Protein backbone atom coordinates (compact mmCIF):
# COMPACT_ATOMS: atom_id res chain seq x y z
CA MET A 1 58.95 -26.86 -6.58
CA ILE A 2 55.41 -26.77 -7.98
CA ALA A 3 52.69 -29.18 -6.86
CA ILE A 4 49.68 -30.25 -8.91
CA VAL A 5 46.79 -31.10 -6.61
CA ASP A 6 45.56 -34.66 -7.16
CA TYR A 7 41.94 -35.01 -6.03
CA ASN A 8 40.88 -37.40 -8.79
CA MET A 9 39.18 -34.69 -10.88
CA GLY A 10 41.95 -33.33 -13.08
CA ASN A 11 43.90 -33.78 -16.28
CA LEU A 12 47.07 -34.29 -14.24
CA ALA A 13 49.29 -35.97 -16.81
CA SER A 14 48.78 -33.32 -19.49
CA VAL A 15 49.39 -30.49 -17.01
CA LYS A 16 52.53 -32.18 -15.73
CA ASN A 17 53.73 -32.78 -19.31
CA ALA A 18 53.18 -29.12 -20.18
CA PHE A 19 55.47 -28.04 -17.35
CA ALA A 20 57.98 -30.69 -18.41
CA LYS A 21 58.12 -29.10 -21.87
CA LEU A 22 59.20 -25.92 -20.10
CA GLY A 23 61.91 -27.81 -18.23
CA LYS A 24 60.11 -27.49 -14.91
CA GLU A 25 59.65 -30.49 -12.65
CA THR A 26 56.33 -30.78 -10.86
CA VAL A 27 54.96 -33.12 -8.21
CA VAL A 28 51.47 -34.63 -8.38
CA GLU A 29 50.49 -34.28 -4.73
CA SER A 30 47.60 -36.09 -3.03
CA ASN A 31 48.59 -35.45 0.61
CA PRO A 32 47.19 -32.09 1.81
CA GLU A 33 49.67 -32.01 4.68
CA ASN A 34 52.43 -31.54 2.11
CA PHE A 35 50.92 -28.56 0.26
CA LYS A 36 52.62 -25.96 2.45
CA LYS A 37 56.11 -27.12 1.51
CA TYR A 38 55.72 -26.20 -2.18
CA GLU A 39 56.56 -22.84 -3.74
CA LYS A 40 53.54 -22.84 -6.02
CA LEU A 41 50.29 -24.83 -6.27
CA ILE A 42 48.24 -25.83 -9.33
CA LEU A 43 44.56 -26.72 -8.93
CA PRO A 44 43.42 -28.42 -12.15
CA GLY A 45 39.95 -29.78 -12.76
CA VAL A 46 37.63 -31.46 -15.25
CA GLY A 47 34.02 -32.34 -14.49
CA ALA A 48 31.25 -31.03 -12.25
CA PHE A 49 31.75 -28.40 -9.55
CA GLY A 50 29.83 -30.28 -6.85
CA ASP A 51 31.72 -33.52 -7.47
CA ALA A 52 35.02 -31.65 -7.30
CA MET A 53 34.21 -30.01 -3.97
CA GLU A 54 33.12 -33.38 -2.59
CA HIS A 55 36.38 -34.97 -3.70
CA LEU A 56 38.34 -32.15 -2.03
CA ARG A 57 36.28 -32.56 1.14
CA GLU A 58 36.75 -36.34 1.26
CA ARG A 59 40.51 -35.87 0.97
CA ASN A 60 40.67 -33.13 3.65
CA MET A 61 42.05 -30.71 1.09
CA ILE A 62 39.74 -27.70 1.49
CA ASP A 63 41.36 -26.29 4.63
CA ALA A 64 44.83 -27.07 3.29
CA ILE A 65 44.15 -25.16 0.05
CA GLN A 66 42.65 -22.21 1.92
CA GLU A 67 45.65 -22.14 4.27
CA TYR A 68 48.01 -22.26 1.29
CA ALA A 69 46.17 -19.32 -0.29
CA ALA A 70 46.49 -17.37 2.98
CA SER A 71 50.26 -17.98 2.99
CA GLY A 72 50.74 -15.62 0.07
CA LYS A 73 52.33 -18.20 -2.22
CA PRO A 74 51.08 -18.24 -5.84
CA MET A 75 48.26 -20.63 -6.70
CA LEU A 76 46.75 -21.21 -10.15
CA GLY A 77 43.34 -22.74 -10.86
CA ILE A 78 42.83 -24.22 -14.34
CA CYS A 79 39.39 -24.69 -15.98
CA LEU A 80 37.18 -26.26 -13.27
CA GLY A 81 40.03 -25.47 -10.88
CA MET A 82 39.51 -21.77 -11.59
CA GLN A 83 35.78 -22.08 -10.91
CA LEU A 84 36.44 -23.77 -7.56
CA LEU A 85 38.26 -20.62 -6.40
CA PHE A 86 34.93 -18.77 -6.22
CA ASP A 87 32.34 -18.55 -3.45
CA SER A 88 29.75 -20.77 -5.10
CA SER A 89 28.42 -22.41 -8.24
CA GLU A 90 24.91 -22.86 -9.64
CA GLU A 91 25.83 -26.12 -11.38
CA PHE A 92 23.30 -28.83 -10.39
CA GLY A 93 22.08 -26.63 -7.53
CA ALA A 94 23.97 -24.20 -5.31
CA THR A 95 27.32 -25.51 -4.10
CA GLN A 96 29.82 -23.70 -1.91
CA GLY A 97 33.30 -23.22 -3.36
CA LEU A 98 36.67 -22.42 -1.82
CA GLY A 99 35.81 -18.74 -1.30
CA LEU A 100 39.19 -17.41 -2.42
CA ILE A 101 37.76 -15.01 -5.03
CA LYS A 102 34.49 -13.16 -4.50
CA GLY A 103 31.84 -14.16 -7.02
CA LYS A 104 29.94 -17.14 -8.38
CA VAL A 105 29.89 -19.60 -11.25
CA VAL A 106 26.86 -19.61 -13.54
CA ALA A 107 25.66 -21.42 -16.66
CA PHE A 108 25.96 -19.75 -20.03
CA ASP A 109 22.73 -17.88 -20.74
CA THR A 110 21.56 -19.57 -23.94
CA THR A 111 18.12 -17.92 -24.02
CA LYS A 112 18.79 -14.41 -25.31
CA PHE A 113 19.92 -15.25 -28.84
CA SER A 114 17.92 -15.83 -32.04
CA GLU A 115 19.75 -19.13 -32.39
CA PRO A 116 20.54 -21.01 -29.16
CA LEU A 117 24.10 -20.72 -27.94
CA LYS A 118 25.81 -24.09 -28.20
CA VAL A 119 27.00 -25.43 -24.87
CA PRO A 120 29.61 -26.46 -23.95
CA HIS A 121 31.77 -23.65 -25.26
CA MET A 122 34.39 -25.79 -26.94
CA GLY A 123 37.40 -25.06 -29.11
CA TRP A 124 39.76 -22.18 -29.81
CA ASN A 125 38.71 -18.67 -28.86
CA LYS A 126 40.35 -15.34 -28.14
CA MET A 127 41.19 -14.11 -24.69
CA PHE A 128 41.47 -10.34 -24.32
CA THR A 129 43.83 -9.59 -21.46
CA LYS A 130 44.89 -6.73 -19.24
CA SER A 131 48.56 -5.98 -18.73
CA HIS A 132 49.52 -8.58 -16.13
CA PRO A 133 52.62 -10.66 -15.33
CA LEU A 134 50.68 -13.85 -16.18
CA PHE A 135 50.46 -12.67 -19.80
CA LYS A 136 53.95 -11.25 -20.23
CA GLY A 137 55.13 -11.54 -23.83
CA LEU A 138 51.64 -12.27 -25.19
CA ASP A 139 49.53 -9.98 -27.33
CA GLU A 140 46.53 -8.31 -25.72
CA GLU A 141 44.40 -10.85 -27.58
CA HIS A 142 45.46 -14.44 -28.17
CA TYR A 143 43.83 -17.79 -28.88
CA LEU A 144 43.46 -20.46 -26.20
CA TYR A 145 41.55 -23.75 -26.00
CA PHE A 146 38.26 -23.87 -24.05
CA VAL A 147 35.89 -26.64 -22.92
CA HIS A 148 33.23 -25.53 -20.40
CA SER A 149 29.51 -25.01 -19.86
CA PHE A 150 29.71 -22.64 -16.87
CA HIS A 151 31.65 -19.43 -16.33
CA ALA A 152 32.65 -17.19 -13.46
CA VAL A 153 31.11 -13.85 -12.53
CA CYS A 154 33.37 -11.73 -10.31
CA ASP A 155 31.95 -9.45 -7.62
CA ASN A 156 34.98 -7.19 -8.08
CA GLU A 157 35.68 -6.18 -11.67
CA GLU A 158 39.34 -5.52 -10.81
CA ASP A 159 39.78 -9.28 -10.26
CA VAL A 160 39.12 -9.88 -13.98
CA ILE A 161 42.37 -9.90 -15.98
CA GLY A 162 41.09 -11.69 -19.09
CA THR A 163 37.79 -11.84 -20.96
CA THR A 164 36.43 -13.92 -23.83
CA GLU A 165 33.42 -13.48 -26.12
CA TYR A 166 31.04 -16.39 -26.52
CA GLY A 167 27.62 -14.97 -27.17
CA TYR A 168 28.59 -12.33 -24.63
CA LYS A 169 31.69 -11.34 -22.72
CA PHE A 170 32.67 -13.42 -19.69
CA ALA A 171 35.62 -13.56 -17.31
CA SER A 172 38.14 -16.10 -18.59
CA ALA A 173 41.10 -15.16 -16.38
CA VAL A 174 41.16 -13.80 -12.85
CA ALA A 175 43.68 -12.68 -10.26
CA CYS A 176 43.22 -11.64 -6.65
CA GLY A 177 46.47 -11.17 -4.77
CA ASN A 178 48.40 -14.42 -5.03
CA ILE A 179 45.41 -16.36 -6.42
CA TYR A 180 45.14 -16.80 -10.18
CA GLY A 181 42.70 -18.62 -12.41
CA ILE A 182 42.30 -19.30 -16.12
CA GLN A 183 39.23 -20.89 -17.70
CA PRO A 184 40.91 -22.26 -20.87
CA HIS A 185 43.30 -25.20 -20.80
CA PRO A 186 46.87 -23.89 -21.13
CA GLU A 187 48.19 -27.44 -21.47
CA LYS A 188 46.09 -27.79 -24.66
CA SER A 189 46.76 -24.29 -25.99
CA HIS A 190 50.19 -24.81 -27.57
CA LYS A 191 52.67 -21.91 -27.37
CA ASN A 192 50.23 -19.39 -25.86
CA GLY A 193 49.28 -21.78 -23.08
CA LEU A 194 52.89 -22.68 -22.40
CA ALA A 195 53.74 -18.98 -22.22
CA ILE A 196 51.13 -18.50 -19.50
CA LEU A 197 52.49 -21.46 -17.52
CA GLU A 198 56.03 -20.17 -17.90
CA ASN A 199 54.93 -16.77 -16.62
CA PHE A 200 53.32 -18.48 -13.64
CA ILE A 201 56.62 -20.26 -12.94
CA ASN A 202 58.36 -16.88 -12.94
CA LEU A 203 55.91 -15.04 -10.67
């Protein structure tokens, strides 16, 4: 069984519906004491990094998520959920993250272009991926749907399994052991997004 973490910061219904299209039942889970009983965990997220961490803290979910990660079971962060996996974010001042992947989350650098880079990065864009079980059956480059103003910077380049160009190249998919993250929204990315979710189911 797969649980979708409910901390009042995610697009839960659309993520749940995407798994339903694949014939996979999921549970929207708000009790951190129950996390350990699930085979896989999804950490979605929409909004600001600091607000998300505060919501997780208020619901006593931070330790539970970190303990789940340490168990070796697969966990997937989506959009803001991917960013929360990192050590920290610069959004609205420095904020500590979950510390599951080494690195930080930074704003798009809009200053080094003749015409300012439009933020947020919104719409369909290509992800260029390494050979990885999360992308089984997909081409090395495929379109996914993005909406974000900040992006992750990994300390360890080997943790980057997907990159996207928006003004410059940034990490759009990461993996470190049993911890996975994707910046685009698979639940909004039609067949390519569903393929990624199905691959996660089969990990």
